Amino acid sequence: MLQAQEETVIIENCQNMRPVAALVNSGNQGYARVLLDDSSIQYFLDNISSLKSQADRTQTWGILDDHVRMCRVSPAAFIKAVVDHIGAETEQRTLFFIIGKVEYILLNFIEDGQKGTVSEQLFDVLLKKCQDVES
């Protein structure tokens, strides 16, 4: 567990104790501009739904969206993470937050020729989410 302090040093030669990813500002609802390393980006893209805290999941979606805007995460990778993980999301506010991020990415980063395919993927996963709620 990382400590709340100005700097937390991770010793490189302790591979079995080294975290797979670090989420700065965990549990804090304040905004922090975070620059993740490549392995943390990939970890969160692949595992965001496994974060137990709704606040941490929401914050991580925002960080990944920031990384799309900084050209560190491809829009396609972000959309794939949404398709892969939105079904596990249980918090309505987080769902609206994610959908807002997706809308911005669709409007500003996805080429016109791909918007239909991406929109269909998102529609299918959101429809399934709505159907799961009804049952």
C-alpha atoms as a PDB file:
ATOM      1  CA  MET A   1       0.000   0.000   0.000  1.00  0.00           C
ATOM      2  CA  LEU A   2       1.356   3.397  -0.909  1.00  0.00           C
ATOM      3  CA  GLN A   3       1.496   5.920   1.893  1.00  0.00           C
ATOM      4  CA  ALA A   4      -0.034   9.399   1.803  1.00  0.00           C
ATOM      5  CA  GLN A   5       3.134  11.421   1.610  1.00  0.00           C
ATOM      6  CA  GLU A   6       4.943  13.677  -0.815  1.00  0.00           C
ATOM      7  CA  GLU A   7       6.864  10.820  -2.427  1.00  0.00           C
ATOM      8  CA  THR A   8       6.671   7.050  -2.136  1.00  0.00           C
ATOM      9  CA  VAL A   9       9.797   5.260  -3.320  1.00  0.00           C
ATOM     10  CA  ILE A  10       9.348   1.809  -4.829  1.00  0.00           C
ATOM     11  CA  ILE A  11      12.497  -0.264  -4.573  1.00  0.00           C
ATOM     12  CA  GLU A  12      13.198  -1.880  -7.942  1.00  0.00           C
ATOM     13  CA  ASN A  13      14.891  -5.016  -6.601  1.00  0.00           C
ATOM     14  CA  CYS A  14      11.812  -6.097  -4.601  1.00  0.00           C
ATOM     15  CA  GLN A  15       9.934  -7.525  -7.590  1.00  0.00           C
ATOM     16  CA  ASN A  16       7.605  -9.695  -5.512  1.00  0.00           C
ATOM     17  CA  MET A  17       6.530  -6.675  -3.431  1.00  0.00           C
ATOM     18  CA  ARG A  18       6.248  -4.205  -6.286  1.00  0.00           C
ATOM     19  CA  PRO A  19       2.701  -3.046  -7.087  1.00  0.00           C
ATOM     20  CA  VAL A  20       1.308  -3.804 -10.556  1.00  0.00           C
ATOM     21  CA  ALA A  21      -0.046  -0.255 -10.749  1.00  0.00           C
ATOM     22  CA  ALA A  22      -0.330   2.823  -8.565  1.00  0.00           C
ATOM     23  CA  LEU A  23      -3.437   4.980  -8.310  1.00  0.00           C
ATOM     24  CA  VAL A  24      -2.450   8.406  -7.056  1.00  0.00           C
ATOM     25  CA  ASN A  25      -5.032  10.271  -4.967  1.00  0.00           C
ATOM     26  CA  SER A  26      -6.962   7.072  -4.160  1.00  0.00           C
ATOM     27  CA  GLY A  27     -10.088   7.686  -2.135  1.00  0.00           C
ATOM     28  CA  ASN A  28      -9.823  11.450  -2.585  1.00  0.00           C
ATOM     29  CA  GLN A  29     -12.476  13.208  -4.627  1.00  0.00           C
ATOM     30  CA  GLY A  30     -10.176  16.102  -5.490  1.00  0.00           C
ATOM     31  CA  TYR A  31      -8.799  16.394  -9.011  1.00  0.00           C
ATOM     32  CA  ALA A  32      -5.188  15.567  -9.706  1.00  0.00           C
ATOM     33  CA  ARG A  33      -3.559  15.491 -13.137  1.00  0.00           C
ATOM     34  CA  VAL A  34      -1.887  12.096 -13.169  1.00  0.00           C
ATOM     35  CA  LEU A  35       0.608  10.739 -15.675  1.00  0.00           C
ATOM     36  CA  LEU A  36       0.652   6.945 -15.548  1.00  0.00           C
ATOM     37  CA  ASP A  37       3.472   4.779 -16.816  1.00  0.00           C
ATOM     38  CA  ASP A  38       2.737   2.372 -19.676  1.00  0.00           C
ATOM     39  CA  SER A  39       2.335  -0.708 -17.470  1.00  0.00           C
ATOM     40  CA  SER A  40      -0.123   1.095 -15.149  1.00  0.00           C
ATOM     41  CA  ILE A  41      -2.107   2.315 -18.160  1.00  0.00           C
ATOM     42  CA  GLN A  42      -2.376  -1.226 -19.485  1.00  0.00           C
ATOM     43  CA  TYR A  43      -3.242  -2.616 -16.055  1.00  0.00           C
ATOM     44  CA  PHE A  44      -6.105  -0.151 -15.573  1.00  0.00           C
ATOM     45  CA  LEU A  45      -7.406  -0.619 -19.139  1.00  0.00           C
ATOM     46  CA  ASP A  46      -7.513  -4.380 -18.513  1.00  0.00           C
ATOM     47  CA  ASN A  47      -8.680  -4.370 -14.875  1.00  0.00           C
ATOM     48  CA  ILE A  48     -10.608  -1.188 -14.104  1.00  0.00           C
ATOM     49  CA  SER A  49     -13.745  -3.087 -13.097  1.00  0.00           C
ATOM     50  CA  SER A  50     -11.765  -4.914 -10.396  1.00  0.00           C
ATOM     51  CA  LEU A  51     -11.200  -1.688  -8.431  1.00  0.00           C
ATOM     52  CA  LYS A  52     -13.422  -2.041  -5.361  1.00  0.00           C
ATOM     53  CA  SER A  53     -13.948   1.658  -4.665  1.00  0.00           C
ATOM     54  CA  GLN A  54     -16.490   3.481  -6.837  1.00  0.00           C
ATOM     55  CA  ALA A  55     -14.536   6.714  -6.293  1.00  0.00           C
ATOM     56  CA  ASP A  56     -11.326   5.042  -7.490  1.00  0.00           C
ATOM     57  CA  ARG A  57     -13.057   3.561 -10.555  1.00  0.00           C
ATOM     58  CA  THR A  58     -14.531   6.943 -11.471  1.00  0.00           C
ATOM     59  CA  GLN A  59     -11.195   8.670 -10.925  1.00  0.00           C
ATOM     60  CA  THR A  60      -9.417   6.058 -13.026  1.00  0.00           C
ATOM     61  CA  TRP A  61     -11.882   6.503 -15.917  1.00  0.00           C
ATOM     62  CA  GLY A  62     -11.110  10.225 -15.746  1.00  0.00           C
ATOM     63  CA  ILE A  63      -7.366   9.579 -15.720  1.00  0.00           C
ATOM     64  CA  LEU A  64      -7.639   7.249 -18.716  1.00  0.00           C
ATOM     65  CA  ASP A  65      -9.723   9.881 -20.524  1.00  0.00           C
ATOM     66  CA  ASP A  66      -7.014  12.470 -19.747  1.00  0.00           C
ATOM     67  CA  HIS A  67      -4.497  10.049 -21.256  1.00  0.00           C
ATOM     68  CA  VAL A  68      -6.564   9.861 -24.462  1.00  0.00           C
ATOM     69  CA  ARG A  69      -6.471  13.660 -24.632  1.00  0.00           C
ATOM     70  CA  MET A  70      -2.686  13.601 -24.016  1.00  0.00           C
ATOM     71  CA  CYS A  71      -2.276  10.976 -26.794  1.00  0.00           C
ATOM     72  CA  ARG A  72      -0.961   8.382 -24.333  1.00  0.00           C
ATOM     73  CA  VAL A  73      -3.980   6.049 -24.733  1.00  0.00           C
ATOM     74  CA  SER A  74      -5.598   5.445 -28.083  1.00  0.00           C
ATOM     75  CA  PRO A  75      -9.287   6.273 -28.355  1.00  0.00           C
ATOM     76  CA  ALA A  76      -9.847   2.676 -29.508  1.00  0.00           C
ATOM     77  CA  ALA A  77      -8.191   1.296 -26.345  1.00  0.00           C
ATOM     78  CA  PHE A  78     -10.395   3.500 -24.158  1.00  0.00           C
ATOM     79  CA  ILE A  79     -13.553   2.442 -26.022  1.00  0.00           C
ATOM     80  CA  LYS A  80     -12.498  -1.229 -25.753  1.00  0.00           C
ATOM     81  CA  ALA A  81     -12.076  -0.798 -21.982  1.00  0.00           C
ATOM     82  CA  VAL A  82     -15.564   0.708 -21.779  1.00  0.00           C
ATOM     83  CA  VAL A  83     -17.042  -2.179 -23.790  1.00  0.00           C
ATOM     84  CA  ASP A  84     -15.161  -4.715 -21.645  1.00  0.00           C
ATOM     85  CA  HIS A  85     -15.897  -3.178 -18.227  1.00  0.00           C
ATOM     86  CA  ILE A  86     -19.045  -1.059 -18.239  1.00  0.00           C
ATOM     87  CA  GLY A  87     -21.194  -4.152 -17.702  1.00  0.00           C
ATOM     88  CA  ALA A  88     -19.642  -4.599 -14.250  1.00  0.00           C
ATOM     89  CA  GLU A  89     -20.283  -0.997 -13.195  1.00  0.00           C
ATOM     90  CA  THR A  90     -22.980  -0.646 -10.539  1.00  0.00           C
ATOM     91  CA  GLU A  91     -22.924   3.073  -9.745  1.00  0.00           C
ATOM     92  CA  GLN A  92     -25.261   5.280 -11.771  1.00  0.00           C
ATOM     93  CA  ARG A  93     -23.081   8.396 -11.387  1.00  0.00           C
ATOM     94  CA  THR A  94     -20.054   6.505 -12.654  1.00  0.00           C
ATOM     95  CA  LEU A  95     -22.039   5.170 -15.626  1.00  0.00           C
ATOM     96  CA  PHE A  96     -23.086   8.700 -16.601  1.00  0.00           C
ATOM     97  CA  PHE A  97     -19.499   9.883 -16.125  1.00  0.00           C
ATOM     98  CA  ILE A  98     -18.161   7.135 -18.426  1.00  0.00           C
ATOM     99  CA  ILE A  99     -20.826   7.795 -21.062  1.00  0.00           C
ATOM    100  CA  GLY A 100     -19.915  11.483 -21.031  1.00  0.00           C
ATOM    101  CA  LYS A 101     -16.252  10.639 -21.598  1.00  0.00           C
ATOM    102  CA  VAL A 102     -17.173   8.264 -24.425  1.00  0.00           C
ATOM    103  CA  GLU A 103     -19.350  10.914 -26.069  1.00  0.00           C
ATOM    104  CA  TYR A 104     -16.464  13.394 -26.046  1.00  0.00           C
ATOM    105  CA  ILE A 105     -14.057  10.814 -27.469  1.00  0.00           C
ATOM    106  CA  LEU A 106     -16.532   9.826 -30.188  1.00  0.00           C
ATOM    107  CA  LEU A 107     -17.057  13.439 -31.220  1.00  0.00           C
ATOM    108  CA  ASN A 108     -13.420  14.484 -31.128  1.00  0.00           C
ATOM    109  CA  PHE A 109     -11.150  11.472 -31.626  1.00  0.00           C
ATOM    110  CA  ILE A 110     -12.945   8.784 -33.652  1.00  0.00           C
ATOM    111  CA  GLU A 111     -12.896   9.180 -37.428  1.00  0.00           C
ATOM    112  CA  ASP A 112     -16.285   9.626 -39.092  1.00  0.00           C
ATOM    113  CA  GLY A 113     -15.997   6.296 -40.932  1.00  0.00           C
ATOM    114  CA  GLN A 114     -15.554   4.418 -37.631  1.00  0.00           C
ATOM    115  CA  LYS A 115     -18.186   6.207 -35.539  1.00  0.00           C
ATOM    116  CA  GLY A 116     -21.022   3.920 -36.689  1.00  0.00           C
ATOM    117  CA  THR A 117     -19.196   0.713 -35.735  1.00  0.00           C
ATOM    118  CA  VAL A 118     -18.045   2.097 -32.385  1.00  0.00           C
ATOM    119  CA  SER A 119     -21.520   3.457 -31.636  1.00  0.00           C
ATOM    120  CA  GLU A 120     -23.077   0.056 -32.394  1.00  0.00           C
ATOM    121  CA  GLN A 121     -20.629  -1.682 -30.027  1.00  0.00           C
ATOM    122  CA  LEU A 122     -21.434   0.796 -27.281  1.00  0.00           C
ATOM    123  CA  PHE A 123     -25.171   0.589 -27.910  1.00  0.00           C
ATOM    124  CA  ASP A 124     -25.067  -3.226 -27.686  1.00  0.00           C
ATOM    125  CA  VAL A 125     -23.175  -3.240 -24.381  1.00  0.00           C
ATOM    126  CA  LEU A 126     -25.398  -0.520 -22.876  1.00  0.00           C
ATOM    127  CA  LEU A 127     -28.556  -2.309 -24.024  1.00  0.00           C
ATOM    128  CA  LYS A 128     -27.296  -5.510 -22.399  1.00  0.00           C
ATOM    129  CA  LYS A 129     -26.585  -3.532 -19.220  1.00  0.00           C
ATOM    130  CA  CYS A 130     -30.170  -2.194 -19.220  1.00  0.00           C
ATOM    131  CA  GLN A 131     -31.595  -5.668 -19.855  1.00  0.00           C
ATOM    132  CA  ASP A 132     -29.530  -7.105 -16.989  1.00  0.00           C
ATOM    133  CA  VAL A 133     -31.008  -4.477 -14.649  1.00  0.00           C
ATOM    134  CA  GLU A 134     -34.544  -5.467 -15.642  1.00  0.00           C
ATOM    135  CA  SER A 135     -34.020  -9.167 -14.914  1.00  0.00           C
END
